[in-house]
């Protein structure tokens, strides 16, 4: 009787574990499907001939709006490329082609529950999605290609050495913030390149220098700015750390720019994207009409 009871309990336990495992698989599958429902924007309007605009010496606001919708390049990005002459104008056209191109994407693992969507070729190799506009120190990169359990929270990085194309980023729990090659942002299925409005070169350099001195090599803290008495505690205080969006916000906040658009204790990629203190240099894989 005891053996029968033990077998019954074992069978019940195995059924429970099987049911739990099935529920986890269903949940993770549903989460991935939910996360990928809007992973990449493709224009629902026709591709236009930009030659008549690009041959002008001075552009109107209507011209900038057309270029933004056609290429994802904001006014700052357009003017920097136009200053490069024929090579810059060709990059504008190449950016337009990439903006309208139907690309394949792959969802790669970044950890046990976190994944990232990248642009891939026909063989599944990660490739650049589009040309990147020139960057400056203190610029910000955002992407909504990173997701955890269905939540597309995104990622953020700060340009700390524009000449070498280097960003500072907090990437994963268990790892310290570190520098990376900024070109990897073009691997994502989408990204936003932002710049503070009316910022001076001196301020840009100061932001980059501060970030490298105080925010490089700090622990990843998901609750940064939440559990401390202050939203922006001293970076040398015990337990100081940052998640990606908080790191960017903190560096800019120290320079007098509060880019947390909703003013809460938690700084998200979405908060940064909606800050009125930024101008758009470039967007890729996202609807330009979403940015007023």
Foldseek 3Di string as FASTA:
>chain_A
DVVVVVVVVVVVVVVVVVVVVVVVVVLLVVLVVLLPPQQFDADPDDADDCVVQLVDPDHDPVNQVVLCQQQQFHPQLLVQLVVVPPRSVVLSVQSSCLQNDDFDWDWADPDDFKTFIFTADPVRHQDFSGDDGQDAQQKKKWHQRMDGSNRSQTFMWGHLDSVQQKTWFADDAPFAIAIDRNSCSRGGSKMFIKDFPPDDNVLSNQLSVCCVVQRHGFGDDQCQQPPDPGLQDDSPDPPHHYHGQSSSQNSVVVSPDRQQQVPDSHRTSVSNLQGPRIDTRGIHRDRSVVHD
